[in-house]
Amino acid sequence: MENDILFVQLFDIYKGLLTEYQRELFSMRYYMDFSFSEIAAETGATRQSAAGGIKKIKDKLLEYESVLHLKEKYDAIGEFAERLSPEDKKALNDILGR
């Protein structure tokens, strides 16, 4: 479960680097909670190719993070923001456009 959360976080960050088909597969698995059999039925693929496709996407997401470290940086900013005063948090949110 914890690993699933990691991949959803990585997907939210790096989904723009995936193909439309990869985004669809990932969404079916992690947002719609489809089984590999259901993904296969939906896409016309085999269960094994659906599972393999999801594994390749997860590997790609981990590769992106190992090179770009965006989640790591995002997490560090979040930890830093927790220590800010309310006024500084508001200023940071204004800067980030939240």
PDB file of N, CA and C in Angstrom:
ATOM      1  N   MET A   1       0.825  -1.198   0.000  1.00  0.00           N
ATOM      2  CA  MET A   1       0.000   0.000   0.000  1.00  0.00           C
ATOM      3  C   MET A   1       0.866   1.258   0.000  1.00  0.00           C
ATOM      4  N   GLU A   2       1.881   1.291   0.883  1.00  0.00           N
ATOM      5  CA  GLU A   2       2.767   2.446   0.944  1.00  0.00           C
ATOM      6  C   GLU A   2       3.480   2.647  -0.386  1.00  0.00           C
ATOM      7  N   ASN A   3       3.870   1.554  -1.022  1.00  0.00           N
ATOM      8  CA  ASN A   3       4.512   1.619  -2.328  1.00  0.00           C
ATOM      9  C   ASN A   3       3.558   2.193  -3.372  1.00  0.00           C
ATOM     10  N   ASP A   4       2.273   1.824  -3.284  1.00  0.00           N
ATOM     11  CA  ASP A   4       1.274   2.357  -4.207  1.00  0.00           C
ATOM     12  C   ASP A   4       1.171   3.871  -4.077  1.00  0.00           C
ATOM     13  N   ILE A   5       1.227   4.366  -2.852  1.00  0.00           N
ATOM     14  CA  ILE A   5       1.155   5.813  -2.627  1.00  0.00           C
ATOM     15  C   ILE A   5       2.349   6.505  -3.270  1.00  0.00           C
ATOM     16  N   LEU A   6       3.523   5.912  -3.139  1.00  0.00           N
ATOM     17  CA  LEU A   6       4.717   6.463  -3.769  1.00  0.00           C
ATOM     18  C   LEU A   6       4.514   6.583  -5.279  1.00  0.00           C
ATOM     19  N   PHE A   7       4.010   5.526  -5.905  1.00  0.00           N
ATOM     20  CA  PHE A   7       3.840   5.554  -7.358  1.00  0.00           C
ATOM     21  C   PHE A   7       2.774   6.549  -7.795  1.00  0.00           C
ATOM     22  N   VAL A   8       1.737   6.712  -7.008  1.00  0.00           N
ATOM     23  CA  VAL A   8       0.715   7.713  -7.339  1.00  0.00           C
ATOM     24  C   VAL A   8       1.323   9.111  -7.238  1.00  0.00           C
ATOM     25  N   GLN A   9       2.140   9.342  -6.211  1.00  0.00           N
ATOM     26  CA  GLN A   9       2.809  10.636  -6.086  1.00  0.00           C
ATOM     27  C   GLN A   9       3.751  10.888  -7.262  1.00  0.00           C
ATOM     28  N   LEU A  10       4.530   9.877  -7.623  1.00  0.00           N
ATOM     29  CA  LEU A  10       5.437  10.027  -8.765  1.00  0.00           C
ATOM     30  C   LEU A  10       4.668  10.253 -10.051  1.00  0.00           C
ATOM     31  N   PHE A  11       3.549   9.551 -10.209  1.00  0.00           N
ATOM     32  CA  PHE A  11       2.715   9.727 -11.402  1.00  0.00           C
ATOM     33  C   PHE A  11       2.195  11.161 -11.476  1.00  0.00           C
ATOM     34  N   ASP A  12       1.739  11.702 -10.362  1.00  0.00           N
ATOM     35  CA  ASP A  12       1.239  13.075 -10.350  1.00  0.00           C
ATOM     36  C   ASP A  12       2.308  14.061 -10.803  1.00  0.00           C
ATOM     37  N   ILE A  13       3.546  13.781 -10.470  1.00  0.00           N
ATOM     38  CA  ILE A  13       4.651  14.672 -10.832  1.00  0.00           C
ATOM     39  C   ILE A  13       5.077  14.472 -12.293  1.00  0.00           C
ATOM     40  N   TYR A  14       5.212  13.216 -12.719  1.00  0.00           N
ATOM     41  CA  TYR A  14       5.853  12.911 -14.009  1.00  0.00           C
ATOM     42  C   TYR A  14       4.908  12.449 -15.112  1.00  0.00           C
ATOM     43  N   LYS A  15       3.591  12.488 -14.888  1.00  0.00           N
ATOM     44  CA  LYS A  15       2.669  11.947 -15.890  1.00  0.00           C
ATOM     45  C   LYS A  15       2.813  12.612 -17.257  1.00  0.00           C
ATOM     46  N   GLY A  16       3.228  13.853 -17.281  1.00  0.00           N
ATOM     47  CA  GLY A  16       3.420  14.543 -18.556  1.00  0.00           C
ATOM     48  C   GLY A  16       4.539  13.951 -19.398  1.00  0.00           C
ATOM     49  N   LEU A  17       5.393  13.155 -18.787  1.00  0.00           N
ATOM     50  CA  LEU A  17       6.492  12.516 -19.515  1.00  0.00           C
ATOM     51  C   LEU A  17       6.111  11.137 -20.048  1.00  0.00           C
ATOM     52  N   LEU A  18       4.922  10.670 -19.698  1.00  0.00           N
ATOM     53  CA  LEU A  18       4.439   9.361 -20.167  1.00  0.00           C
ATOM     54  C   LEU A  18       3.562   9.539 -21.388  1.00  0.00           C
ATOM     55  N   THR A  19       3.401   8.463 -22.136  1.00  0.00           N
ATOM     56  CA  THR A  19       2.501   8.509 -23.282  1.00  0.00           C
ATOM     57  C   THR A  19       1.053   8.485 -22.796  1.00  0.00           C
ATOM     58  N   GLU A  20       0.145   8.848 -23.660  1.00  0.00           N
ATOM     59  CA  GLU A  20      -1.278   8.818 -23.299  1.00  0.00           C
ATOM     60  C   GLU A  20      -1.700   7.410 -22.891  1.00  0.00           C
ATOM     61  N   TYR A  21      -1.228   6.404 -23.623  1.00  0.00           N
ATOM     62  CA  TYR A  21      -1.567   5.014 -23.304  1.00  0.00           C
ATOM     63  C   TYR A  21      -1.042   4.629 -21.925  1.00  0.00           C
ATOM     64  N   GLN A  22       0.187   5.034 -21.611  1.00  0.00           N
ATOM     65  CA  GLN A  22       0.751   4.734 -20.293  1.00  0.00           C
ATOM     66  C   GLN A  22      -0.059   5.415 -19.195  1.00  0.00           C
ATOM     67  N   ARG A  23      -0.476   6.658 -19.436  1.00  0.00           N
ATOM     68  CA  ARG A  23      -1.300   7.365 -18.448  1.00  0.00           C
ATOM     69  C   ARG A  23      -2.634   6.652 -18.247  1.00  0.00           C
ATOM     70  N   GLU A  24      -3.221   6.154 -19.330  1.00  0.00           N
ATOM     71  CA  GLU A  24      -4.486   5.421 -19.223  1.00  0.00           C
ATOM     72  C   GLU A  24      -4.311   4.139 -18.415  1.00  0.00           C
ATOM     73  N   LEU A  25      -3.258   3.376 -18.725  1.00  0.00           N
ATOM     74  CA  LEU A  25      -3.006   2.137 -17.988  1.00  0.00           C
ATOM     75  C   LEU A  25      -2.821   2.406 -16.499  1.00  0.00           C
ATOM     76  N   PHE A  26      -1.993   3.376 -16.197  1.00  0.00           N
ATOM     77  CA  PHE A  26      -1.726   3.689 -14.799  1.00  0.00           C
ATOM     78  C   PHE A  26      -3.001   4.133 -14.091  1.00  0.00           C
ATOM     79  N   SER A  27      -3.784   4.966 -14.739  1.00  0.00           N
ATOM     80  CA  SER A  27      -5.037   5.445 -14.144  1.00  0.00           C
ATOM     81  C   SER A  27      -6.001   4.305 -13.886  1.00  0.00           C
ATOM     82  N   MET A  28      -6.090   3.375 -14.827  1.00  0.00           N
ATOM     83  CA  MET A  28      -6.970   2.225 -14.619  1.00  0.00           C
ATOM     84  C   MET A  28      -6.546   1.429 -13.397  1.00  0.00           C
ATOM     85  N   ARG A  29      -5.240   1.238 -13.249  1.00  0.00           N
ATOM     86  CA  ARG A  29      -4.737   0.409 -12.146  1.00  0.00           C
ATOM     87  C   ARG A  29      -4.831   1.117 -10.794  1.00  0.00           C
ATOM     88  N   TYR A  30      -4.384   2.372 -10.742  1.00  0.00           N
ATOM     89  CA  TYR A  30      -4.231   3.028  -9.444  1.00  0.00           C
ATOM     90  C   TYR A  30      -5.347   4.004  -9.079  1.00  0.00           C
ATOM     91  N   TYR A  31      -6.066   4.523 -10.059  1.00  0.00           N
ATOM     92  CA  TYR A  31      -7.151   5.451  -9.742  1.00  0.00           C
ATOM     93  C   TYR A  31      -8.520   4.774  -9.824  1.00  0.00           C
ATOM     94  N   MET A  32      -8.639   3.813 -10.735  1.00  0.00           N
ATOM     95  CA  MET A  32      -9.915   3.109 -10.888  1.00  0.00           C
ATOM     96  C   MET A  32      -9.884   1.718 -10.253  1.00  0.00           C
ATOM     97  N   ASP A  33      -8.725   1.322  -9.736  1.00  0.00           N
ATOM     98  CA  ASP A  33      -8.548   0.051  -9.028  1.00  0.00           C
ATOM     99  C   ASP A  33      -8.904  -1.170  -9.881  1.00  0.00           C
ATOM    100  N   PHE A  34      -8.559  -1.106 -11.181  1.00  0.00           N
ATOM    101  CA  PHE A  34      -8.784  -2.240 -12.071  1.00  0.00           C
ATOM    102  C   PHE A  34      -7.752  -3.322 -11.782  1.00  0.00           C
ATOM    103  N   SER A  35      -8.168  -4.569 -11.902  1.00  0.00           N
ATOM    104  CA  SER A  35      -7.223  -5.682 -11.841  1.00  0.00           C
ATOM    105  C   SER A  35      -6.499  -5.754 -13.188  1.00  0.00           C
ATOM    106  N   PHE A  36      -5.437  -6.544 -13.245  1.00  0.00           N
ATOM    107  CA  PHE A  36      -4.740  -6.710 -14.526  1.00  0.00           C
ATOM    108  C   PHE A  36      -5.662  -7.340 -15.563  1.00  0.00           C
ATOM    109  N   SER A  37      -6.525  -8.235 -15.132  1.00  0.00           N
ATOM    110  CA  SER A  37      -7.486  -8.857 -16.053  1.00  0.00           C
ATOM    111  C   SER A  37      -8.466  -7.825 -16.597  1.00  0.00           C
ATOM    112  N   GLU A  38      -8.909  -6.923 -15.742  1.00  0.00           N
ATOM    113  CA  GLU A  38      -9.834  -5.882 -16.192  1.00  0.00           C
ATOM    114  C   GLU A  38      -9.156  -4.899 -17.141  1.00  0.00           C
ATOM    115  N   ILE A  39      -7.910  -4.579 -16.855  1.00  0.00           N
ATOM    116  CA  ILE A  39      -7.151  -3.706 -17.758  1.00  0.00           C
ATOM    117  C   ILE A  39      -6.990  -4.384 -19.111  1.00  0.00           C
ATOM    118  N   ALA A  40      -6.664  -5.668 -19.078  1.00  0.00           N
ATOM    119  CA  ALA A  40      -6.496  -6.422 -20.325  1.00  0.00           C
ATOM    120  C   ALA A  40      -7.787  -6.424 -21.131  1.00  0.00           C
ATOM    121  N   ALA A  41      -8.902  -6.664 -20.472  1.00  0.00           N
ATOM    122  CA  ALA A  41     -10.191  -6.682 -21.173  1.00  0.00           C
ATOM    123  C   ALA A  41     -10.509  -5.315 -21.766  1.00  0.00           C
ATOM    124  N   GLU A  42     -10.186  -4.265 -21.041  1.00  0.00           N
ATOM    125  CA  GLU A  42     -10.476  -2.896 -21.484  1.00  0.00           C
ATOM    126  C   GLU A  42      -9.608  -2.476 -22.663  1.00  0.00           C
ATOM    127  N   THR A  43      -8.357  -2.951 -22.672  1.00  0.00           N
ATOM    128  CA  THR A  43      -7.406  -2.519 -23.706  1.00  0.00           C
ATOM    129  C   THR A  43      -7.230  -3.522 -24.834  1.00  0.00           C
ATOM    130  N   GLY A  44      -7.771  -4.722 -24.670  1.00  0.00           N
ATOM    131  CA  GLY A  44      -7.599  -5.745 -25.693  1.00  0.00           C
ATOM    132  C   GLY A  44      -6.253  -6.435 -25.611  1.00  0.00           C
ATOM    133  N   ALA A  45      -5.592  -6.319 -24.477  1.00  0.00           N
ATOM    134  CA  ALA A  45      -4.285  -6.936 -24.276  1.00  0.00           C
ATOM    135  C   ALA A  45      -4.458  -8.198 -23.430  1.00  0.00           C
ATOM    136  N   THR A  46      -3.357  -8.872 -23.179  1.00  0.00           N
ATOM    137  CA  THR A  46      -3.391 -10.019 -22.271  1.00  0.00           C
ATOM    138  C   THR A  46      -3.162  -9.525 -20.847  1.00  0.00           C
ATOM    139  N   ARG A  47      -3.505 -10.369 -19.902  1.00  0.00           N
ATOM    140  CA  ARG A  47      -3.280 -10.028 -18.497  1.00  0.00           C
ATOM    141  C   ARG A  47      -1.792  -9.812 -18.246  1.00  0.00           C
ATOM    142  N   GLN A  48      -0.960 -10.668 -18.827  1.00  0.00           N
ATOM    143  CA  GLN A  48       0.483 -10.572 -18.644  1.00  0.00           C
ATOM    144  C   GLN A  48       1.039  -9.270 -19.232  1.00  0.00           C
ATOM    145  N   SER A  49       0.536  -8.862 -20.394  1.00  0.00           N
ATOM    146  CA  SER A  49       1.044  -7.622 -20.984  1.00  0.00           C
ATOM    147  C   SER A  49       0.562  -6.407 -20.196  1.00  0.00           C
ATOM    148  N   ALA A  50      -0.633  -6.502 -19.609  1.00  0.00           N
ATOM    149  CA  ALA A  50      -1.114  -5.412 -18.753  1.00  0.00           C
ATOM    150  C   ALA A  50      -0.215  -5.285 -17.526  1.00  0.00           C
ATOM    151  N   ALA A  51       0.105  -6.404 -16.899  1.00  0.00           N
ATOM    152  CA  ALA A  51       0.984  -6.392 -15.725  1.00  0.00           C
ATOM    153  C   ALA A  51       2.376  -5.889 -16.113  1.00  0.00           C
ATOM    154  N   GLY A  52       2.873  -6.349 -17.251  1.00  0.00           N
ATOM    155  CA  GLY A  52       4.182  -5.900 -17.724  1.00  0.00           C
ATOM    156  C   GLY A  52       4.192  -4.420 -18.049  1.00  0.00           C
ATOM    157  N   GLY A  53       3.105  -3.931 -18.618  1.00  0.00           N
ATOM    158  CA  GLY A  53       2.997  -2.503 -18.932  1.00  0.00           C
ATOM    159  C   GLY A  53       3.025  -1.649 -17.681  1.00  0.00           C
ATOM    160  N   ILE A  54       2.311  -2.088 -16.653  1.00  0.00           N
ATOM    161  CA  ILE A  54       2.303  -1.351 -15.388  1.00  0.00           C
ATOM    162  C   ILE A  54       3.700  -1.364 -14.761  1.00  0.00           C
ATOM    163  N   LYS A  55       4.369  -2.509 -14.817  1.00  0.00           N
ATOM    164  CA  LYS A  55       5.729  -2.593 -14.262  1.00  0.00           C
ATOM    165  C   LYS A  55       6.671  -1.641 -15.000  1.00  0.00           C
ATOM    166  N   LYS A  56       6.562  -1.578 -16.321  1.00  0.00           N
ATOM    167  CA  LYS A  56       7.424  -0.670 -17.098  1.00  0.00           C
ATOM    168  C   LYS A  56       7.154   0.787 -16.730  1.00  0.00           C
ATOM    169  N   ILE A  57       5.889   1.119 -16.522  1.00  0.00           N
ATOM    170  CA  ILE A  57       5.536   2.491 -16.135  1.00  0.00           C
ATOM    171  C   ILE A  57       6.144   2.815 -14.767  1.00  0.00           C
ATOM    172  N   LYS A  58       6.008   1.897 -13.825  1.00  0.00           N
ATOM    173  CA  LYS A  58       6.567   2.119 -12.489  1.00  0.00           C
ATOM    174  C   LYS A  58       8.085   2.265 -12.552  1.00  0.00           C
ATOM    175  N   ASP A  59       8.736   1.434 -13.357  1.00  0.00           N
ATOM    176  CA  ASP A  59      10.187   1.536 -13.529  1.00  0.00           C
ATOM    177  C   ASP A  59      10.566   2.896 -14.111  1.00  0.00           C
ATOM    178  N   LYS A  60       9.790   3.356 -15.084  1.00  0.00           N
ATOM    179  CA  LYS A  60      10.041   4.643 -15.729  1.00  0.00           C
ATOM    180  C   LYS A  60       9.870   5.785 -14.719  1.00  0.00           C
ATOM    181  N   LEU A  61       8.831   5.708 -13.895  1.00  0.00           N
ATOM    182  CA  LEU A  61       8.613   6.741 -12.876  1.00  0.00           C
ATOM    183  C   LEU A  61       9.776   6.789 -11.889  1.00  0.00           C
ATOM    184  N   LEU A  62      10.255   5.621 -11.475  1.00  0.00           N
ATOM    185  CA  LEU A  62      11.407   5.570 -10.573  1.00  0.00           C
ATOM    186  C   LEU A  62      12.660   6.128 -11.250  1.00  0.00           C
ATOM    187  N   GLU A  63      12.811   5.849 -12.531  1.00  0.00           N
ATOM    188  CA  GLU A  63      13.956   6.369 -13.277  1.00  0.00           C
ATOM    189  C   GLU A  63      13.907   7.895 -13.348  1.00  0.00           C
ATOM    190  N   TYR A  64      12.726   8.440 -13.661  1.00  0.00           N
ATOM    191  CA  TYR A  64      12.584   9.892 -13.706  1.00  0.00           C
ATOM    192  C   TYR A  64      12.957  10.515 -12.362  1.00  0.00           C
ATOM    193  N   GLU A  65      12.468   9.923 -11.283  1.00  0.00           N
ATOM    194  CA  GLU A  65      12.762  10.467  -9.958  1.00  0.00           C
ATOM    195  C   GLU A  65      14.242  10.354  -9.630  1.00  0.00           C
ATOM    196  N   SER A  66      14.889   9.263 -10.055  1.00  0.00           N
ATOM    197  CA  SER A  66      16.313   9.096  -9.758  1.00  0.00           C
ATOM    198  C   SER A  66      17.173  10.139 -10.482  1.00  0.00           C
ATOM    199  N   VAL A  67      16.671  10.651 -11.595  1.00  0.00           N
ATOM    200  CA  VAL A  67      17.414  11.660 -12.349  1.00  0.00           C
ATOM    201  C   VAL A  67      17.028  13.079 -11.925  1.00  0.00           C
ATOM    202  N   LEU A  68      15.733  13.333 -11.774  1.00  0.00           N
ATOM    203  CA  LEU A  68      15.254  14.693 -11.542  1.00  0.00           C
ATOM    204  C   LEU A  68      15.024  15.059 -10.077  1.00  0.00           C
ATOM    205  N   HIS A  69      14.741  14.078  -9.242  1.00  0.00           N
ATOM    206  CA  HIS A  69      14.557  14.282  -7.793  1.00  0.00           C
ATOM    207  C   HIS A  69      13.457  15.287  -7.448  1.00  0.00           C
ATOM    208  N   LEU A  70      12.429  15.396  -8.263  1.00  0.00           N
ATOM    209  CA  LEU A  70      11.379  16.378  -8.003  1.00  0.00           C
ATOM    210  C   LEU A  70      10.553  16.040  -6.769  1.00  0.00           C
ATOM    211  N   LYS A  71      10.228  14.768  -6.566  1.00  0.00           N
ATOM    212  CA  LYS A  71       9.471  14.393  -5.365  1.00  0.00           C
ATOM    213  C   LYS A  71      10.302  14.647  -4.124  1.00  0.00           C
ATOM    214  N   GLU A  72      11.557  14.294  -4.191  1.00  0.00           N
ATOM    215  CA  GLU A  72      12.461  14.520  -3.061  1.00  0.00           C
ATOM    216  C   GLU A  72      12.507  16.014  -2.709  1.00  0.00           C
ATOM    217  N   LYS A  73      12.601  16.863  -3.726  1.00  0.00           N
ATOM    218  CA  LYS A  73      12.639  18.309  -3.495  1.00  0.00           C
ATOM    219  C   LYS A  73      11.297  18.812  -2.969  1.00  0.00           C
ATOM    220  N   TYR A  74      10.224  18.313  -3.530  1.00  0.00           N
ATOM    221  CA  TYR A  74       8.885  18.690  -3.082  1.00  0.00           C
ATOM    222  C   TYR A  74       8.698  18.323  -1.607  1.00  0.00           C
ATOM    223  N   ASP A  75       9.118  17.121  -1.233  1.00  0.00           N
ATOM    224  CA  ASP A  75       9.011  16.676   0.159  1.00  0.00           C
ATOM    225  C   ASP A  75       9.843  17.566   1.085  1.00  0.00           C
ATOM    226  N   ALA A  76      11.039  17.935   0.648  1.00  0.00           N
ATOM    227  CA  ALA A  76      11.907  18.787   1.466  1.00  0.00           C
ATOM    228  C   ALA A  76      11.284  20.175   1.647  1.00  0.00           C
ATOM    229  N   ILE A  77      10.683  20.712   0.596  1.00  0.00           N
ATOM    230  CA  ILE A  77      10.011  22.009   0.705  1.00  0.00           C
ATOM    231  C   ILE A  77       8.831  21.905   1.665  1.00  0.00           C
ATOM    232  N   GLY A  78       8.081  20.798   1.596  1.00  0.00           N
ATOM    233  CA  GLY A  78       6.954  20.594   2.497  1.00  0.00           C
ATOM    234  C   GLY A  78       7.391  20.530   3.953  1.00  0.00           C
ATOM    235  N   GLU A  79       8.478  19.818   4.205  1.00  0.00           N
ATOM    236  CA  GLU A  79       9.007  19.735   5.576  1.00  0.00           C
ATOM    237  C   GLU A  79       9.472  21.103   6.066  1.00  0.00           C
ATOM    238  N   PHE A  80      10.128  21.847   5.197  1.00  0.00           N
ATOM    239  CA  PHE A  80      10.578  23.197   5.546  1.00  0.00           C
ATOM    240  C   PHE A  80       9.381  24.101   5.820  1.00  0.00           C
ATOM    241  N   ALA A  81       8.357  24.005   4.991  1.00  0.00           N
ATOM    242  CA  ALA A  81       7.173  24.859   5.137  1.00  0.00           C
ATOM    243  C   ALA A  81       6.458  24.620   6.459  1.00  0.00           C
ATOM    244  N   GLU A  82       6.515  23.400   6.958  1.00  0.00           N
ATOM    245  CA  GLU A  82       5.871  23.092   8.236  1.00  0.00           C
ATOM    246  C   GLU A  82       6.486  23.883   9.388  1.00  0.00           C
ATOM    247  N   ARG A  83       7.732  24.284   9.252  1.00  0.00           N
ATOM    248  CA  ARG A  83       8.422  25.013  10.320  1.00  0.00           C
ATOM    249  C   ARG A  83       8.241  26.526  10.222  1.00  0.00           C
ATOM    250  N   LEU A  84       7.581  26.979   9.160  1.00  0.00           N
ATOM    251  CA  LEU A  84       7.410  28.419   8.959  1.00  0.00           C
ATOM    252  C   LEU A  84       6.301  28.983   9.839  1.00  0.00           C
ATOM    253  N   SER A  85       6.400  30.266  10.098  1.00  0.00           N
ATOM    254  CA  SER A  85       5.333  30.959  10.815  1.00  0.00           C
ATOM    255  C   SER A  85       4.121  31.059   9.888  1.00  0.00           C
ATOM    256  N   PRO A  86       2.942  31.293  10.433  1.00  0.00           N
ATOM    257  CA  PRO A  86       1.746  31.430   9.581  1.00  0.00           C
ATOM    258  C   PRO A  86       1.904  32.498   8.499  1.00  0.00           C
ATOM    259  N   GLU A  87       2.550  33.596   8.834  1.00  0.00           N
ATOM    260  CA  GLU A  87       2.739  34.668   7.841  1.00  0.00           C
ATOM    261  C   GLU A  87       3.657  34.205   6.706  1.00  0.00           C
ATOM    262  N   ASP A  88       4.718  33.495   7.079  1.00  0.00           N
ATOM    263  CA  ASP A  88       5.646  32.995   6.065  1.00  0.00           C
ATOM    264  C   ASP A  88       5.008  31.894   5.221  1.00  0.00           C
ATOM    265  N   LYS A  89       4.162  31.058   5.839  1.00  0.00           N
ATOM    266  CA  LYS A  89       3.436  30.032   5.076  1.00  0.00           C
ATOM    267  C   LYS A  89       2.543  30.680   4.040  1.00  0.00           C
ATOM    268  N   LYS A  90       1.854  31.763   4.438  1.00  0.00           N
ATOM    269  CA  LYS A  90       0.987  32.466   3.499  1.00  0.00           C
ATOM    270  C   LYS A  90       1.816  33.038   2.357  1.00  0.00           C
ATOM    271  N   ALA A  91       2.958  33.632   2.679  1.00  0.00           N
ATOM    272  CA  ALA A  91       3.840  34.203   1.644  1.00  0.00           C
ATOM    273  C   ALA A  91       4.322  33.106   0.695  1.00  0.00           C
ATOM    274  N   LEU A  92       4.681  31.940   1.253  1.00  0.00           N
ATOM    275  CA  LEU A  92       5.129  30.830   0.414  1.00  0.00           C
ATOM    276  C   LEU A  92       3.999  30.350  -0.495  1.00  0.00           C
ATOM    277  N   ASN A  93       2.806  30.223   0.042  1.00  0.00           N
ATOM    278  CA  ASN A  93       1.663  29.807  -0.779  1.00  0.00           C
ATOM    279  C   ASN A  93       1.364  30.827  -1.871  1.00  0.00           C
ATOM    280  N   ASP A  94       1.535  32.103  -1.567  1.00  0.00           N
ATOM    281  CA  ASP A  94       1.347  33.138  -2.592  1.00  0.00           C
ATOM    282  C   ASP A  94       2.363  32.978  -3.713  1.00  0.00           C
ATOM    283  N   ILE A  95       3.602  32.701  -3.333  1.00  0.00           N
ATOM    284  CA  ILE A  95       4.667  32.504  -4.326  1.00  0.00           C
ATOM    285  C   ILE A  95       4.369  31.288  -5.192  1.00  0.00           C
ATOM    286  N   LEU A  96       3.900  30.214  -4.538  1.00  0.00           N
ATOM    287  CA  LEU A  96       3.628  28.967  -5.264  1.00  0.00           C
ATOM    288  C   LEU A  96       2.284  28.992  -5.999  1.00  0.00           C
ATOM    289  N   GLY A  97       1.502  30.037  -5.768  1.00  0.00           N
ATOM    290  CA  GLY A  97       0.223  30.155  -6.461  1.00  0.00           C
ATOM    291  C   GLY A  97      -0.846  29.245  -5.931  1.00  0.00           C
ATOM    292  N   ARG A  98      -0.814  28.939  -4.662  1.00  0.00           N
ATOM    293  CA  ARG A  98      -1.811  28.057  -4.051  1.00  0.00           C
ATOM    294  C   ARG A  98      -2.908  28.849  -3.417  1.00  0.00           C
TER     295      ARG A  98
END
